[in-house]
mmCIF file of all heavy atoms, coordinates in Angstrom:
data_MODEL
# 
_entry.id   MODEL 
# 
loop_
_atom_site.group_PDB 
_atom_site.id 
_atom_site.type_symbol 
_atom_site.label_atom_id 
_atom_site.label_alt_id 
_atom_site.label_comp_id 
_atom_site.label_asym_id 
_atom_site.label_entity_id 
_atom_site.label_seq_id 
_atom_site.pdbx_PDB_ins_code 
_atom_site.Cartn_x 
_atom_site.Cartn_y 
_atom_site.Cartn_z 
_atom_site.occupancy 
_atom_site.B_iso_or_equiv 
_atom_site.pdbx_formal_charge 
_atom_site.auth_seq_id 
_atom_site.auth_comp_id 
_atom_site.auth_asym_id 
_atom_site.auth_atom_id 
_atom_site.pdbx_PDB_model_num 
ATOM 1   N N   . VAL A 1 1  ? 91.589  116.176 90.989  1.00 0.00 ? 1  VAL A N   1 
ATOM 2   C CA  . VAL A 1 1  ? 91.717  115.999 89.546  1.00 0.00 ? 1  VAL A CA  1 
ATOM 3   C C   . VAL A 1 1  ? 92.186  114.579 89.270  1.00 0.00 ? 1  VAL A C   1 
ATOM 4   O O   . VAL A 1 1  ? 92.599  113.860 90.180  1.00 0.00 ? 1  VAL A O   1 
ATOM 5   C CB  . VAL A 1 1  ? 92.698  117.025 88.927  1.00 0.00 ? 1  VAL A CB  1 
ATOM 6   C CG1 . VAL A 1 1  ? 92.201  118.452 89.146  1.00 0.00 ? 1  VAL A CG1 1 
ATOM 7   C CG2 . VAL A 1 1  ? 94.094  116.844 89.501  1.00 0.00 ? 1  VAL A CG2 1 
ATOM 8   N N   . SER A 1 2  ? 92.128  114.182 87.998  1.00 0.00 ? 2  SER A N   1 
ATOM 9   C CA  . SER A 1 2  ? 92.378  112.776 87.665  1.00 0.00 ? 2  SER A CA  1 
ATOM 10  C C   . SER A 1 2  ? 93.725  112.531 87.001  1.00 0.00 ? 2  SER A C   1 
ATOM 11  O O   . SER A 1 2  ? 94.074  111.377 86.740  1.00 0.00 ? 2  SER A O   1 
ATOM 12  C CB  . SER A 1 2  ? 91.269  112.258 86.749  1.00 0.00 ? 2  SER A CB  1 
ATOM 13  O OG  . SER A 1 2  ? 91.205  113.035 85.556  1.00 0.00 ? 2  SER A OG  1 
ATOM 14  N N   . SER A 1 3  ? 94.491  113.580 86.723  1.00 0.00 ? 3  SER A N   1 
ATOM 15  C CA  . SER A 1 3  ? 95.757  113.376 86.023  1.00 0.00 ? 3  SER A CA  1 
ATOM 16  C C   . SER A 1 3  ? 96.766  114.449 86.408  1.00 0.00 ? 3  SER A C   1 
ATOM 17  O O   . SER A 1 3  ? 96.409  115.537 86.871  1.00 0.00 ? 3  SER A O   1 
ATOM 18  C CB  . SER A 1 3  ? 95.547  113.412 84.507  1.00 0.00 ? 3  SER A CB  1 
ATOM 19  O OG  . SER A 1 3  ? 95.231  114.727 84.075  1.00 0.00 ? 3  SER A OG  1 
ATOM 20  N N   . VAL A 1 4  ? 98.044  114.120 86.202  1.00 0.00 ? 4  VAL A N   1 
ATOM 21  C CA  . VAL A 1 4  ? 99.112  115.082 86.439  1.00 0.00 ? 4  VAL A CA  1 
ATOM 22  C C   . VAL A 1 4  ? 98.948  116.293 85.528  1.00 0.00 ? 4  VAL A C   1 
ATOM 23  O O   . VAL A 1 4  ? 99.149  117.444 85.943  1.00 0.00 ? 4  VAL A O   1 
ATOM 24  C CB  . VAL A 1 4  ? 100.493 114.429 86.215  1.00 0.00 ? 4  VAL A CB  1 
ATOM 25  C CG1 . VAL A 1 4  ? 101.613 115.464 86.309  1.00 0.00 ? 4  VAL A CG1 1 
ATOM 26  C CG2 . VAL A 1 4  ? 100.720 113.305 87.223  1.00 0.00 ? 4  VAL A CG2 1 
ATOM 27  N N   . GLN A 1 5  ? 98.578  116.041 84.280  1.00 0.00 ? 5  GLN A N   1 
ATOM 28  C CA  . GLN A 1 5  ? 98.392  117.134 83.320  1.00 0.00 ? 5  GLN A CA  1 
ATOM 29  C C   . GLN A 1 5  ? 97.356  118.139 83.814  1.00 0.00 ? 5  GLN A C   1 
ATOM 30  O O   . GLN A 1 5  ? 97.564  119.355 83.755  1.00 0.00 ? 5  GLN A O   1 
ATOM 31  C CB  . GLN A 1 5  ? 97.992  116.576 81.958  1.00 0.00 ? 5  GLN A CB  1 
ATOM 32  C CG  . GLN A 1 5  ? 97.863  117.630 80.873  1.00 0.00 ? 5  GLN A CG  1 
ATOM 33  C CD  . GLN A 1 5  ? 97.493  117.030 79.533  1.00 0.00 ? 5  GLN A CD  1 
ATOM 34  O OE1 . GLN A 1 5  ? 97.166  115.847 79.433  1.00 0.00 ? 5  GLN A OE1 1 
ATOM 35  N NE2 . GLN A 1 5  ? 97.549  117.839 78.487  1.00 0.00 ? 5  GLN A NE2 1 
ATOM 36  N N   . SER A 1 6  ? 96.243  117.627 84.325  1.00 0.00 ? 6  SER A N   1 
ATOM 37  C CA  . SER A 1 6  ? 95.207  118.516 84.842  1.00 0.00 ? 6  SER A CA  1 
ATOM 38  C C   . SER A 1 6  ? 95.698  119.285 86.061  1.00 0.00 ? 6  SER A C   1 
ATOM 39  O O   . SER A 1 6  ? 95.420  120.479 86.223  1.00 0.00 ? 6  SER A O   1 
ATOM 40  C CB  . SER A 1 6  ? 93.958  117.714 85.216  1.00 0.00 ? 6  SER A CB  1 
ATOM 41  O OG  . SER A 1 6  ? 93.403  117.085 84.088  1.00 0.00 ? 6  SER A OG  1 
ATOM 42  N N   . LEU A 1 7  ? 96.449  118.596 86.914  1.00 0.00 ? 7  LEU A N   1 
ATOM 43  C CA  . LEU A 1 7  ? 96.969  119.235 88.119  1.00 0.00 ? 7  LEU A CA  1 
ATOM 44  C C   . LEU A 1 7  ? 97.869  120.411 87.772  1.00 0.00 ? 7  LEU A C   1 
ATOM 45  O O   . LEU A 1 7  ? 97.767  121.491 88.366  1.00 0.00 ? 7  LEU A O   1 
ATOM 46  C CB  . LEU A 1 7  ? 97.744  118.211 88.951  1.00 0.00 ? 7  LEU A CB  1 
ATOM 47  C CG  . LEU A 1 7  ? 98.164  118.644 90.352  1.00 0.00 ? 7  LEU A CG  1 
ATOM 48  C CD1 . LEU A 1 7  ? 96.964  118.665 91.291  1.00 0.00 ? 7  LEU A CD1 1 
ATOM 49  C CD2 . LEU A 1 7  ? 99.249  117.703 90.901  1.00 0.00 ? 7  LEU A CD2 1 
ATOM 50  N N   . MET A 1 8  ? 98.737  120.207 86.793  1.00 0.00 ? 8  MET A N   1 
ATOM 51  C CA  . MET A 1 8  ? 99.759  121.195 86.477  1.00 0.00 ? 8  MET A CA  1 
ATOM 52  C C   . MET A 1 8  ? 99.243  122.354 85.612  1.00 0.00 ? 8  MET A C   1 
ATOM 53  O O   . MET A 1 8  ? 100.017 123.246 85.261  1.00 0.00 ? 8  MET A O   1 
ATOM 54  C CB  . MET A 1 8  ? 100.956 120.523 85.800  1.00 0.00 ? 8  MET A CB  1 
ATOM 55  C CG  . MET A 1 8  ? 101.699 119.553 86.711  1.00 0.00 ? 8  MET A CG  1 
ATOM 56  S SD  . MET A 1 8  ? 102.355 120.356 88.209  1.00 0.00 ? 8  MET A SD  1 
ATOM 57  C CE  . MET A 1 8  ? 103.055 118.937 89.079  1.00 0.00 ? 8  MET A CE  1 
ATOM 58  N N   . HIS A 1 9  ? 97.960  122.349 85.299  1.00 0.00 ? 9  HIS A N   1 
ATOM 59  C CA  . HIS A 1 9  ? 97.383  123.505 84.615  1.00 0.00 ? 9  HIS A CA  1 
ATOM 60  C C   . HIS A 1 9  ? 97.454  124.746 85.491  1.00 0.00 ? 9  HIS A C   1 
ATOM 61  O O   . HIS A 1 9  ? 97.454  125.876 84.999  1.00 0.00 ? 9  HIS A O   1 
ATOM 62  C CB  . HIS A 1 9  ? 95.916  123.237 84.226  1.00 0.00 ? 9  HIS A CB  1 
ATOM 63  C CG  . HIS A 1 9  ? 95.776  122.501 82.939  1.00 0.00 ? 9  HIS A CG  1 
ATOM 64  N ND1 . HIS A 1 9  ? 96.504  122.808 81.820  1.00 0.00 ? 9  HIS A ND1 1 
ATOM 65  C CD2 . HIS A 1 9  ? 94.955  121.465 82.582  1.00 0.00 ? 9  HIS A CD2 1 
ATOM 66  C CE1 . HIS A 1 9  ? 96.165  121.996 80.837  1.00 0.00 ? 9  HIS A CE1 1 
ATOM 67  N NE2 . HIS A 1 9  ? 95.232  121.161 81.273  1.00 0.00 ? 9  HIS A NE2 1 
ATOM 68  N N   . ASN A 1 10 ? 97.482  124.521 86.825  1.00 0.00 ? 10 ASN A N   1 
ATOM 69  C CA  . ASN A 1 10 ? 97.554  125.623 87.776  1.00 0.00 ? 10 ASN A CA  1 
ATOM 70  C C   . ASN A 1 10 ? 98.787  125.456 88.661  1.00 0.00 ? 10 ASN A C   1 
ATOM 71  O O   . ASN A 1 10 ? 99.414  124.392 88.678  1.00 0.00 ? 10 ASN A O   1 
ATOM 72  C CB  . ASN A 1 10 ? 96.284  125.676 88.632  1.00 0.00 ? 10 ASN A CB  1 
ATOM 73  C CG  . ASN A 1 10 ? 95.043  125.924 87.802  1.00 0.00 ? 10 ASN A CG  1 
ATOM 74  O OD1 . ASN A 1 10 ? 94.923  126.953 87.147  1.00 0.00 ? 10 ASN A OD1 1 
ATOM 75  N ND2 . ASN A 1 10 ? 94.110  124.974 87.825  1.00 0.00 ? 10 ASN A ND2 1 
ATOM 76  N N   . THR A 1 11 ? 99.098  126.478 89.420  1.00 0.00 ? 11 THR A N   1 
ATOM 77  C CA  . THR A 1 11 ? 100.290 126.434 90.270  1.00 0.00 ? 11 THR A CA  1 
ATOM 78  C C   . THR A 1 11 ? 99.995  125.898 91.666  1.00 0.00 ? 11 THR A C   1 
ATOM 79  O O   . THR A 1 11 ? 100.920 125.533 92.402  1.00 0.00 ? 11 THR A O   1 
ATOM 80  C CB  . THR A 1 11 ? 100.914 127.833 90.402  1.00 0.00 ? 11 THR A CB  1 
ATOM 81  O OG1 . THR A 1 11 ? 99.936  128.720 90.976  1.00 0.00 ? 11 THR A OG1 1 
ATOM 82  C CG2 . THR A 1 11 ? 101.351 128.363 89.046  1.00 0.00 ? 11 THR A CG2 1 
ATOM 83  N N   . HIS A 1 12 ? 98.716  125.845 92.049  1.00 0.00 ? 12 HIS A N   1 
ATOM 84  C CA  . HIS A 1 12 ? 98.343  125.400 93.389  1.00 0.00 ? 12 HIS A CA  1 
ATOM 85  C C   . HIS A 1 12 ? 96.846  125.117 93.421  1.00 0.00 ? 12 HIS A C   1 
ATOM 86  O O   . HIS A 1 12 ? 96.133  125.396 92.456  1.00 0.00 ? 12 HIS A O   1 
ATOM 87  C CB  . HIS A 1 12 ? 98.683  126.485 94.434  1.00 0.00 ? 12 HIS A CB  1 
ATOM 88  C CG  . HIS A 1 12 ? 97.896  127.751 94.250  1.00 0.00 ? 12 HIS A CG  1 
ATOM 89  N ND1 . HIS A 1 12 ? 98.224  128.704 93.314  1.00 0.00 ? 12 HIS A ND1 1 
ATOM 90  C CD2 . HIS A 1 12 ? 96.764  128.221 94.864  1.00 0.00 ? 12 HIS A CD2 1 
ATOM 91  C CE1 . HIS A 1 12 ? 97.364  129.711 93.361  1.00 0.00 ? 12 HIS A CE1 1 
ATOM 92  N NE2 . HIS A 1 12 ? 96.463  129.436 94.300  1.00 0.00 ? 12 HIS A NE2 1 
ATOM 93  N N   . GLY A 1 13 ? 96.387  124.531 94.525  1.00 0.00 ? 13 GLY A N   1 
ATOM 94  C CA  . GLY A 1 13 ? 94.955  124.397 94.753  1.00 0.00 ? 13 GLY A CA  1 
ATOM 95  C C   . GLY A 1 13 ? 94.324  123.077 94.371  1.00 0.00 ? 13 GLY A C   1 
ATOM 96  O O   . GLY A 1 13 ? 93.148  122.860 94.638  1.00 0.00 ? 13 GLY A O   1 
ATOM 97  N N   . GLY A 1 14 ? 95.073  122.153 93.758  1.00 0.00 ? 14 GLY A N   1 
ATOM 98  C CA  . GLY A 1 14 ? 94.499  120.883 93.319  1.00 0.00 ? 14 GLY A CA  1 
ATOM 99  C C   . GLY A 1 14 ? 94.876  119.720 94.214  1.00 0.00 ? 14 GLY A C   1 
ATOM 100 O O   . GLY A 1 14 ? 95.761  119.816 95.074  1.00 0.00 ? 14 GLY A O   1 
ATOM 101 N N   . LEU A 1 15 ? 94.190  118.603 94.006  1.00 0.00 ? 15 LEU A N   1 
ATOM 102 C CA  . LEU A 1 15 ? 94.457  117.366 94.736  1.00 0.00 ? 15 LEU A CA  1 
ATOM 103 C C   . LEU A 1 15 ? 94.511  116.214 93.747  1.00 0.00 ? 15 LEU A C   1 
ATOM 104 O O   . LEU A 1 15 ? 93.630  116.068 92.903  1.00 0.00 ? 15 LEU A O   1 
ATOM 105 C CB  . LEU A 1 15 ? 93.353  117.100 95.761  1.00 0.00 ? 15 LEU A CB  1 
ATOM 106 C CG  . LEU A 1 15 ? 93.357  115.708 96.422  1.00 0.00 ? 15 LEU A CG  1 
ATOM 107 C CD1 . LEU A 1 15 ? 94.522  115.587 97.390  1.00 0.00 ? 15 LEU A CD1 1 
ATOM 108 C CD2 . LEU A 1 15 ? 92.041  115.435 97.148  1.00 0.00 ? 15 LEU A CD2 1 
ATOM 109 N N   . LEU A 1 16 ? 95.557  115.389 93.859  1.00 0.00 ? 16 LEU A N   1 
ATOM 110 C CA  . LEU A 1 16 ? 95.702  114.220 92.993  1.00 0.00 ? 16 LEU A CA  1 
ATOM 111 C C   . LEU A 1 16 ? 96.052  113.007 93.838  1.00 0.00 ? 16 LEU A C   1 
ATOM 112 O O   . LEU A 1 16 ? 96.978  113.053 94.652  1.00 0.00 ? 16 LEU A O   1 
ATOM 113 C CB  . LEU A 1 16 ? 96.803  114.465 91.956  1.00 0.00 ? 16 LEU A CB  1 
ATOM 114 C CG  . LEU A 1 16 ? 97.120  113.295 91.010  1.00 0.00 ? 16 LEU A CG  1 
ATOM 115 C CD1 . LEU A 1 16 ? 95.954  113.029 90.061  1.00 0.00 ? 16 LEU A CD1 1 
ATOM 116 C CD2 . LEU A 1 16 ? 98.400  113.569 90.220  1.00 0.00 ? 16 LEU A CD2 1 
ATOM 117 N N   . MET A 1 17 ? 95.309  111.911 93.654  1.00 0.00 ? 17 MET A N   1 
ATOM 118 C CA  . MET A 1 17 ? 95.649  110.631 94.271  1.00 0.00 ? 17 MET A CA  1 
ATOM 119 C C   . MET A 1 17 ? 96.577  109.901 93.309  1.00 0.00 ? 17 MET A C   1 
ATOM 120 O O   . MET A 1 17 ? 96.242  109.718 92.135  1.00 0.00 ? 17 MET A O   1 
ATOM 121 C CB  . MET A 1 17 ? 94.398  109.810 94.546  1.00 0.00 ? 17 MET A CB  1 
ATOM 122 C CG  . MET A 1 17 ? 93.293  110.558 95.296  1.00 0.00 ? 17 MET A CG  1 
ATOM 123 S SD  . MET A 1 17 ? 93.774  111.159 96.927  1.00 0.00 ? 17 MET A SD  1 
ATOM 124 C CE  . MET A 1 17 ? 93.885  109.597 97.824  1.00 0.00 ? 17 MET A CE  1 
ATOM 125 N N   . LEU A 1 18 ? 97.730  109.482 93.781  1.00 0.00 ? 18 LEU A N   1 
ATOM 126 C CA  . LEU A 1 18 ? 98.764  108.912 92.920  1.00 0.00 ? 18 LEU A CA  1 
ATOM 127 C C   . LEU A 1 18 ? 99.199  107.549 93.444  1.00 0.00 ? 18 LEU A C   1 
ATOM 128 O O   . LEU A 1 18 ? 99.552  107.410 94.618  1.00 0.00 ? 18 LEU A O   1 
ATOM 129 C CB  . LEU A 1 18 ? 99.964  109.862 92.866  1.00 0.00 ? 18 LEU A CB  1 
ATOM 130 C CG  . LEU A 1 18 ? 101.117 109.493 91.936  1.00 0.00 ? 18 LEU A CG  1 
ATOM 131 C CD1 . LEU A 1 18 ? 100.683 109.553 90.472  1.00 0.00 ? 18 LEU A CD1 1 
ATOM 132 C CD2 . LEU A 1 18 ? 102.304 110.431 92.168  1.00 0.00 ? 18 LEU A CD2 1 
ATOM 133 N N   . THR A 1 19 ? 99.165  106.544 92.583  1.00 0.00 ? 19 THR A N   1 
ATOM 134 C CA  . THR A 1 19 ? 99.662  105.218 92.926  1.00 0.00 ? 19 THR A CA  1 
ATOM 135 C C   . THR A 1 19 ? 101.034 105.032 92.284  1.00 0.00 ? 19 THR A C   1 
ATOM 136 O O   . THR A 1 19 ? 101.187 105.230 91.080  1.00 0.00 ? 19 THR A O   1 
ATOM 137 C CB  . THR A 1 19 ? 98.705  104.119 92.431  1.00 0.00 ? 19 THR A CB  1 
ATOM 138 O OG1 . THR A 1 19 ? 97.416  104.317 93.025  1.00 0.00 ? 19 THR A OG1 1 
ATOM 139 C CG2 . THR A 1 19 ? 99.220  102.742 92.812  1.00 0.00 ? 19 THR A CG2 1 
ATOM 140 N N   . LEU A 1 20 ? 102.015 104.644 93.086  1.00 0.00 ? 20 LEU A N   1 
ATOM 141 C CA  . LEU A 1 20 ? 103.377 104.463 92.583  1.00 0.00 ? 20 LEU A CA  1 
ATOM 142 C C   . LEU A 1 20 ? 103.596 103.022 92.159  1.00 0.00 ? 20 LEU A C   1 
ATOM 143 O O   . LEU A 1 20 ? 102.984 102.099 92.692  1.00 0.00 ? 20 LEU A O   1 
ATOM 144 C CB  . LEU A 1 20 ? 104.387 104.856 93.667  1.00 0.00 ? 20 LEU A CB  1 
ATOM 145 C CG  . LEU A 1 20 ? 104.298 106.302 94.162  1.00 0.00 ? 20 LEU A CG  1 
ATOM 146 C CD1 . LEU A 1 20 ? 105.326 106.547 95.259  1.00 0.00 ? 20 LEU A CD1 1 
ATOM 147 C CD2 . LEU A 1 20 ? 104.493 107.281 93.018  1.00 0.00 ? 20 LEU A CD2 1 
ATOM 148 N N   . PRO A 1 21 ? 104.516 102.809 91.196  1.00 0.00 ? 21 PRO A N   1 
ATOM 149 C CA  . PRO A 1 21 ? 104.720 101.455 90.690  1.00 0.00 ? 21 PRO A CA  1 
ATOM 150 C C   . PRO A 1 21 ? 105.362 100.494 91.687  1.00 0.00 ? 21 PRO A C   1 
ATOM 151 O O   . PRO A 1 21 ? 105.050 99.307  91.697  1.00 0.00 ? 21 PRO A O   1 
ATOM 152 C CB  . PRO A 1 21 ? 105.625 101.651 89.467  1.00 0.00 ? 21 PRO A CB  1 
ATOM 153 C CG  . PRO A 1 21 ? 106.089 103.058 89.489  1.00 0.00 ? 21 PRO A CG  1 
ATOM 154 C CD  . PRO A 1 21 ? 105.217 103.825 90.398  1.00 0.00 ? 21 PRO A CD  1 
ATOM 155 N N   . SER A 1 22 ? 106.272 100.981 92.527  1.00 0.00 ? 22 SER A N   1 
ATOM 156 C CA  . SER A 1 22 ? 106.957 100.091 93.471  1.00 0.00 ? 22 SER A CA  1 
ATOM 157 C C   . SER A 1 22 ? 106.222 100.084 94.804  1.00 0.00 ? 22 SER A C   1 
ATOM 158 O O   . SER A 1 22 ? 105.992 101.132 95.393  1.00 0.00 ? 22 SER A O   1 
ATOM 159 C CB  . SER A 1 22 ? 108.399 100.557 93.699  1.00 0.00 ? 22 SER A CB  1 
ATOM 160 O OG  . SER A 1 22 ? 109.156 100.450 92.521  1.00 0.00 ? 22 SER A OG  1 
ATOM 161 N N   . LEU A 1 23 ? 105.876 98.913  95.253  1.00 0.00 ? 23 LEU A N   1 
ATOM 162 C CA  . LEU A 1 23 ? 105.190 98.773  96.535  1.00 0.00 ? 23 LEU A CA  1 
ATOM 163 C C   . LEU A 1 23 ? 106.194 98.266  97.567  1.00 0.00 ? 23 LEU A C   1 
ATOM 164 O O   . LEU A 1 23 ? 106.337 97.067  97.792  1.00 0.00 ? 23 LEU A O   1 
ATOM 165 C CB  . LEU A 1 23 ? 104.021 97.799  96.405  1.00 0.00 ? 23 LEU A CB  1 
ATOM 166 C CG  . LEU A 1 23 ? 102.969 98.172  95.355  1.00 0.00 ? 23 LEU A CG  1 
ATOM 167 C CD1 . LEU A 1 23 ? 101.895 97.099  95.286  1.00 0.00 ? 23 LEU A CD1 1 
ATOM 168 C CD2 . LEU A 1 23 ? 102.363 99.521  95.686  1.00 0.00 ? 23 LEU A CD2 1 
ATOM 169 N N   . MET A 1 24 ? 106.918 99.192  98.201  1.00 0.00 ? 24 MET A N   1 
ATOM 170 C CA  . MET A 1 24 ? 107.956 98.828  99.154  1.00 0.00 ? 24 MET A CA  1 
ATOM 171 C C   . MET A 1 24 ? 107.399 99.030  100.564 1.00 0.00 ? 24 MET A C   1 
ATOM 172 O O   . MET A 1 24 ? 107.400 100.141 101.091 1.00 0.00 ? 24 MET A O   1 
ATOM 173 C CB  . MET A 1 24 ? 109.207 99.666  98.926  1.00 0.00 ? 24 MET A CB  1 
ATOM 174 C CG  . MET A 1 24 ? 109.818 99.465  97.546  1.00 0.00 ? 24 MET A CG  1 
ATOM 175 S SD  . MET A 1 24 ? 111.355 100.390 97.293  1.00 0.00 ? 24 MET A SD  1 
ATOM 176 C CE  . MET A 1 24 ? 112.463 99.474  98.369  1.00 0.00 ? 24 MET A CE  1 
# 
């Protein structure tokens, strides 16, 4: 899925690629 909102429509079963703001 493309967003956190879409992911959280269900309790399990989705995949989200997430880029974090801090690159440590």
